[in-house]
Amino acid sequence: MVTLKRLGLLCFLCLSLALLPLVPSAQALSAPDGLMQDFGEGVDVASKNFAGLVLQDKRFTKLDLEGANFQGSNLMGTVFNSTDLSHANFQDVNFAYGMAYRTAFNGADLTNALMVGSYLMQSTLDGATITNADFSDAVLDLAQQRKLCETADGINPITGTKTRFSLGCGPG
């Protein structure tokens, strides 16, 4: 016969096993100031140099990556959550269908970036360079979209889409 105490212990064990995949690895916990996935051998997070890497579907959470270099990286489907990417180099980055929630891109260089279908909710792009970037179907806060329209210019070399058009800026 199962006692109430045994039933409670059994429920606790089942719940613990169910939640185990949600617990970050020891390597993730050792990341500076936040959490991220294991990127594999040869990726030195402390150097903030991610140039040319394939980082599809990775997660960066609560990290200080100010001034990081992501130039030419494949960040398709990647998630940045509450991460500081101020003054980061996002030139020629593919961030299509990515998500950046409460992330700072202030002063970042997004020249030629593919931001197609990305979610940039509650993120800031104040002073970001967006020449030739494609924001088609991206979701941004209206205030950020309007600020970006003030400096939007160029045509994305991959998609052939005008930056102003991709942001819905209207004629001008």
C-alpha atoms as a PDB file:
ATOM      1  CA  MET A   1       0.000   0.000   0.000  1.00  0.00           C
ATOM      2  CA  VAL A   2       1.287   3.456  -0.915  1.00  0.00           C
ATOM      3  CA  THR A   3       1.391   5.849   1.980  1.00  0.00           C
ATOM      4  CA  LEU A   4       0.853   9.571   1.606  1.00  0.00           C
ATOM      5  CA  LYS A   5       4.532  10.164   2.476  1.00  0.00           C
ATOM      6  CA  ARG A   6       5.703   7.757  -0.259  1.00  0.00           C
ATOM      7  CA  LEU A   7       3.317   9.310  -2.767  1.00  0.00           C
ATOM      8  CA  GLY A   8       4.712  12.773  -1.967  1.00  0.00           C
ATOM      9  CA  LEU A   9       8.291  11.518  -2.413  1.00  0.00           C
ATOM     10  CA  LEU A  10       7.387   9.839  -5.682  1.00  0.00           C
ATOM     11  CA  CYS A  11       5.787  13.071  -6.975  1.00  0.00           C
ATOM     12  CA  PHE A  12       8.876  15.057  -5.928  1.00  0.00           C
ATOM     13  CA  LEU A  13      11.202  12.654  -7.787  1.00  0.00           C
ATOM     14  CA  CYS A  14       9.054  12.695 -10.931  1.00  0.00           C
ATOM     15  CA  LEU A  15       8.916  16.487 -10.949  1.00  0.00           C
ATOM     16  CA  SER A  16      12.672  16.725 -10.351  1.00  0.00           C
ATOM     17  CA  LEU A  17      13.393  14.435 -13.303  1.00  0.00           C
ATOM     18  CA  ALA A  18      10.981  16.351 -15.523  1.00  0.00           C
ATOM     19  CA  LEU A  19      12.688  19.677 -14.734  1.00  0.00           C
ATOM     20  CA  LEU A  20      16.257  18.365 -15.024  1.00  0.00           C
ATOM     21  CA  PRO A  21      16.687  19.419 -18.691  1.00  0.00           C
ATOM     22  CA  LEU A  22      15.859  23.004 -17.671  1.00  0.00           C
ATOM     23  CA  VAL A  23      18.786  23.256 -15.248  1.00  0.00           C
ATOM     24  CA  PRO A  24      21.796  24.916 -16.915  1.00  0.00           C
ATOM     25  CA  SER A  25      25.032  22.980 -17.187  1.00  0.00           C
ATOM     26  CA  ALA A  26      28.009  23.747 -14.974  1.00  0.00           C
ATOM     27  CA  GLN A  27      29.786  25.289 -17.972  1.00  0.00           C
ATOM     28  CA  ALA A  28      26.826  27.583 -18.636  1.00  0.00           C
ATOM     29  CA  LEU A  29      26.826  28.725 -15.027  1.00  0.00           C
ATOM     30  CA  SER A  30      30.493  29.680 -15.269  1.00  0.00           C
ATOM     31  CA  ALA A  31      29.831  32.165 -18.077  1.00  0.00           C
ATOM     32  CA  PRO A  32      30.661  35.777 -17.189  1.00  0.00           C
ATOM     33  CA  ASP A  33      27.658  37.637 -15.751  1.00  0.00           C
ATOM     34  CA  GLY A  34      25.010  35.343 -17.221  1.00  0.00           C
ATOM     35  CA  LEU A  35      24.000  32.144 -18.934  1.00  0.00           C
ATOM     36  CA  MET A  36      24.568  30.720 -22.372  1.00  0.00           C
ATOM     37  CA  GLN A  37      24.673  27.406 -24.113  1.00  0.00           C
ATOM     38  CA  ASP A  38      27.792  25.333 -24.588  1.00  0.00           C
ATOM     39  CA  PHE A  39      29.182  26.584 -27.896  1.00  0.00           C
ATOM     40  CA  GLY A  40      31.774  23.837 -28.239  1.00  0.00           C
ATOM     41  CA  GLU A  41      35.536  23.764 -28.488  1.00  0.00           C
ATOM     42  CA  GLY A  42      37.420  26.836 -29.627  1.00  0.00           C
ATOM     43  CA  VAL A  43      34.836  29.443 -28.610  1.00  0.00           C
ATOM     44  CA  ASP A  44      36.331  31.854 -26.103  1.00  0.00           C
ATOM     45  CA  VAL A  45      33.444  33.803 -24.601  1.00  0.00           C
ATOM     46  CA  ALA A  46      35.724  36.030 -22.528  1.00  0.00           C
ATOM     47  CA  SER A  47      37.340  37.419 -25.689  1.00  0.00           C
ATOM     48  CA  LYS A  48      33.876  38.403 -27.012  1.00  0.00           C
ATOM     49  CA  ASN A  49      35.021  37.314 -30.474  1.00  0.00           C
ATOM     50  CA  PHE A  50      32.334  35.330 -32.298  1.00  0.00           C
ATOM     51  CA  ALA A  51      33.275  36.505 -35.822  1.00  0.00           C
ATOM     52  CA  GLY A  52      32.400  34.095 -38.609  1.00  0.00           C
ATOM     53  CA  LEU A  53      30.937  31.436 -36.306  1.00  0.00           C
ATOM     54  CA  VAL A  54      27.817  29.358 -36.856  1.00  0.00           C
ATOM     55  CA  LEU A  55      25.785  29.974 -33.700  1.00  0.00           C
ATOM     56  CA  GLN A  56      22.339  29.006 -34.971  1.00  0.00           C
ATOM     57  CA  ASP A  57      19.665  28.473 -32.323  1.00  0.00           C
ATOM     58  CA  LYS A  58      21.981  29.353 -29.415  1.00  0.00           C
ATOM     59  CA  ARG A  59      20.970  31.277 -26.284  1.00  0.00           C
ATOM     60  CA  PHE A  60      22.686  34.247 -24.653  1.00  0.00           C
ATOM     61  CA  THR A  61      21.058  35.328 -21.385  1.00  0.00           C
ATOM     62  CA  LYS A  62      22.045  38.257 -19.162  1.00  0.00           C
ATOM     63  CA  LEU A  63      25.521  38.600 -20.620  1.00  0.00           C
ATOM     64  CA  ASP A  64      27.726  41.653 -20.937  1.00  0.00           C
ATOM     65  CA  LEU A  65      28.828  41.416 -24.569  1.00  0.00           C
ATOM     66  CA  GLU A  66      29.435  45.129 -25.062  1.00  0.00           C
ATOM     67  CA  GLY A  67      31.769  45.584 -28.016  1.00  0.00           C
ATOM     68  CA  ALA A  68      31.584  41.905 -29.020  1.00  0.00           C
ATOM     69  CA  ASN A  69      32.502  40.941 -32.579  1.00  0.00           C
ATOM     70  CA  PHE A  70      29.874  38.840 -34.393  1.00  0.00           C
ATOM     71  CA  GLN A  71      30.877  39.969 -37.891  1.00  0.00           C
ATOM     72  CA  GLY A  72      29.803  37.477 -40.557  1.00  0.00           C
ATOM     73  CA  SER A  73      28.292  35.058 -38.017  1.00  0.00           C
ATOM     74  CA  ASN A  74      25.233  32.907 -38.600  1.00  0.00           C
ATOM     75  CA  LEU A  75      22.903  33.733 -35.718  1.00  0.00           C
ATOM     76  CA  MET A  76      19.733  32.457 -37.371  1.00  0.00           C
ATOM     77  CA  GLY A  77      17.185  31.586 -34.693  1.00  0.00           C
ATOM     78  CA  THR A  78      19.517  32.650 -31.877  1.00  0.00           C
ATOM     79  CA  VAL A  79      18.079  34.183 -28.699  1.00  0.00           C
ATOM     80  CA  PHE A  80      19.526  37.163 -26.830  1.00  0.00           C
ATOM     81  CA  ASN A  81      17.691  37.763 -23.568  1.00  0.00           C
ATOM     82  CA  SER A  82      18.570  40.798 -21.427  1.00  0.00           C
ATOM     83  CA  THR A  83      22.020  40.952 -23.011  1.00  0.00           C
ATOM     84  CA  ASP A  84      24.170  44.037 -23.549  1.00  0.00           C
ATOM     85  CA  LEU A  85      25.305  44.137 -27.182  1.00  0.00           C
ATOM     86  CA  SER A  86      26.070  47.860 -27.170  1.00  0.00           C
ATOM     87  CA  HIS A  87      28.733  48.810 -29.718  1.00  0.00           C
ATOM     88  CA  ALA A  88      28.869  45.202 -30.967  1.00  0.00           C
ATOM     89  CA  ASN A  89      29.900  44.440 -34.533  1.00  0.00           C
ATOM     90  CA  PHE A  90      26.945  42.798 -36.322  1.00  0.00           C
ATOM     91  CA  GLN A  91      28.188  43.564 -39.842  1.00  0.00           C
ATOM     92  CA  ASP A  92      27.085  40.922 -42.384  1.00  0.00           C
ATOM     93  CA  VAL A  93      25.320  38.894 -39.652  1.00  0.00           C
ATOM     94  CA  ASN A  94      22.409  36.588 -40.396  1.00  0.00           C
ATOM     95  CA  PHE A  95      20.037  37.094 -37.455  1.00  0.00           C
ATOM     96  CA  ALA A  96      16.962  35.983 -39.398  1.00  0.00           C
ATOM     97  CA  TYR A  97      14.167  34.643 -37.186  1.00  0.00           C
ATOM     98  CA  GLY A  98      16.211  35.408 -34.084  1.00  0.00           C
ATOM     99  CA  MET A  99      14.897  36.866 -30.871  1.00  0.00           C
ATOM    100  CA  ALA A 100      16.281  39.696 -28.796  1.00  0.00           C
ATOM    101  CA  TYR A 101      14.214  40.505 -25.738  1.00  0.00           C
ATOM    102  CA  ARG A 102      15.269  43.436 -23.530  1.00  0.00           C
ATOM    103  CA  THR A 103      18.606  43.533 -25.322  1.00  0.00           C
ATOM    104  CA  ALA A 104      20.693  46.644 -25.959  1.00  0.00           C
ATOM    105  CA  PHE A 105      22.077  47.121 -29.482  1.00  0.00           C
ATOM    106  CA  ASN A 106      22.894  50.771 -28.720  1.00  0.00           C
ATOM    107  CA  GLY A 107      25.666  52.003 -30.994  1.00  0.00           C
ATOM    108  CA  ALA A 108      25.987  48.559 -32.619  1.00  0.00           C
ATOM    109  CA  ASP A 109      26.986  48.252 -36.288  1.00  0.00           C
ATOM    110  CA  LEU A 110      24.328  46.273 -38.188  1.00  0.00           C
ATOM    111  CA  THR A 111      25.614  47.137 -41.666  1.00  0.00           C
ATOM    112  CA  ASN A 112      24.370  44.537 -44.192  1.00  0.00           C
ATOM    113  CA  ALA A 113      22.688  42.543 -41.390  1.00  0.00           C
ATOM    114  CA  LEU A 114      19.799  40.183 -42.124  1.00  0.00           C
ATOM    115  CA  MET A 115      17.229  40.839 -39.401  1.00  0.00           C
ATOM    116  CA  VAL A 116      14.391  39.248 -41.389  1.00  0.00           C
ATOM    117  CA  GLY A 117      11.563  37.943 -39.201  1.00  0.00           C
ATOM    118  CA  SER A 118      13.442  38.675 -35.988  1.00  0.00           C
ATOM    119  CA  TYR A 119      11.732  39.692 -32.742  1.00  0.00           C
ATOM    120  CA  LEU A 120      13.334  42.711 -31.083  1.00  0.00           C
ATOM    121  CA  MET A 121      10.765  43.421 -28.391  1.00  0.00           C
ATOM    122  CA  GLN A 122      11.747  45.836 -25.619  1.00  0.00           C
ATOM    123  CA  SER A 123      15.187  46.048 -27.194  1.00  0.00           C
ATOM    124  CA  THR A 124      16.990  49.308 -27.899  1.00  0.00           C
ATOM    125  CA  LEU A 125      18.912  50.216 -31.034  1.00  0.00           C
ATOM    126  CA  ASP A 126      19.716  53.838 -30.177  1.00  0.00           C
ATOM    127  CA  GLY A 127      22.555  55.096 -32.354  1.00  0.00           C
ATOM    128  CA  ALA A 128      22.876  51.765 -34.179  1.00  0.00           C
ATOM    129  CA  THR A 129      24.217  51.815 -37.739  1.00  0.00           C
ATOM    130  CA  ILE A 130      21.676  50.038 -39.943  1.00  0.00           C
ATOM    131  CA  THR A 131      22.968  50.832 -43.438  1.00  0.00           C
ATOM    132  CA  ASN A 132      21.856  48.120 -45.892  1.00  0.00           C
ATOM    133  CA  ALA A 133      20.184  46.078 -43.114  1.00  0.00           C
ATOM    134  CA  ASP A 134      17.001  44.140 -43.932  1.00  0.00           C
ATOM    135  CA  PHE A 135      14.320  44.208 -41.201  1.00  0.00           C
ATOM    136  CA  SER A 136      11.545  42.643 -43.329  1.00  0.00           C
ATOM    137  CA  ASP A 137       8.850  41.085 -41.120  1.00  0.00           C
ATOM    138  CA  ALA A 138      10.846  41.952 -37.982  1.00  0.00           C
ATOM    139  CA  VAL A 139       8.896  42.895 -34.870  1.00  0.00           C
ATOM    140  CA  LEU A 140      10.138  46.029 -33.103  1.00  0.00           C
ATOM    141  CA  ASP A 141       8.666  48.422 -30.597  1.00  0.00           C
ATOM    142  CA  LEU A 142       7.077  51.320 -32.476  1.00  0.00           C
ATOM    143  CA  ALA A 143       9.351  53.899 -30.831  1.00  0.00           C
ATOM    144  CA  GLN A 144      12.457  51.985 -31.931  1.00  0.00           C
ATOM    145  CA  GLN A 145      11.103  51.517 -35.452  1.00  0.00           C
ATOM    146  CA  ARG A 146      10.518  55.264 -35.747  1.00  0.00           C
ATOM    147  CA  LYS A 147      14.025  56.077 -34.501  1.00  0.00           C
ATOM    148  CA  LEU A 148      15.545  53.640 -36.992  1.00  0.00           C
ATOM    149  CA  CYS A 149      13.565  55.229 -39.831  1.00  0.00           C
ATOM    150  CA  GLU A 150      15.373  58.513 -39.135  1.00  0.00           C
ATOM    151  CA  THR A 151      18.695  57.033 -40.296  1.00  0.00           C
ATOM    152  CA  ALA A 152      17.599  54.074 -42.454  1.00  0.00           C
ATOM    153  CA  ASP A 153      19.457  53.976 -45.742  1.00  0.00           C
ATOM    154  CA  GLY A 154      20.740  51.575 -48.364  1.00  0.00           C
ATOM    155  CA  ILE A 155      19.821  48.271 -49.958  1.00  0.00           C
ATOM    156  CA  ASN A 156      20.677  44.884 -48.456  1.00  0.00           C
ATOM    157  CA  PRO A 157      23.227  43.140 -50.731  1.00  0.00           C
ATOM    158  CA  ILE A 158      21.719  39.675 -50.114  1.00  0.00           C
ATOM    159  CA  THR A 159      17.971  40.322 -50.388  1.00  0.00           C
ATOM    160  CA  GLY A 160      17.981  43.475 -52.520  1.00  0.00           C
ATOM    161  CA  THR A 161      15.510  45.047 -50.075  1.00  0.00           C
ATOM    162  CA  LYS A 162      15.741  48.727 -49.183  1.00  0.00           C
ATOM    163  CA  THR A 163      16.316  49.255 -45.466  1.00  0.00           C
ATOM    164  CA  ARG A 164      13.621  51.942 -45.286  1.00  0.00           C
ATOM    165  CA  PHE A 165      11.085  49.663 -46.979  1.00  0.00           C
ATOM    166  CA  SER A 166      11.950  46.735 -44.688  1.00  0.00           C
ATOM    167  CA  LEU A 167      11.233  48.946 -41.659  1.00  0.00           C
ATOM    168  CA  GLY A 168       7.965  50.265 -43.078  1.00  0.00           C
ATOM    169  CA  CYS A 169       9.284  53.826 -43.022  1.00  0.00           C
ATOM    170  CA  GLY A 170       7.306  55.002 -46.003  1.00  0.00           C
ATOM    171  CA  PRO A 171       8.643  57.202 -48.787  1.00  0.00           C
ATOM    172  CA  GLY A 172      11.629  59.355 -48.219  1.00  0.00           C
END
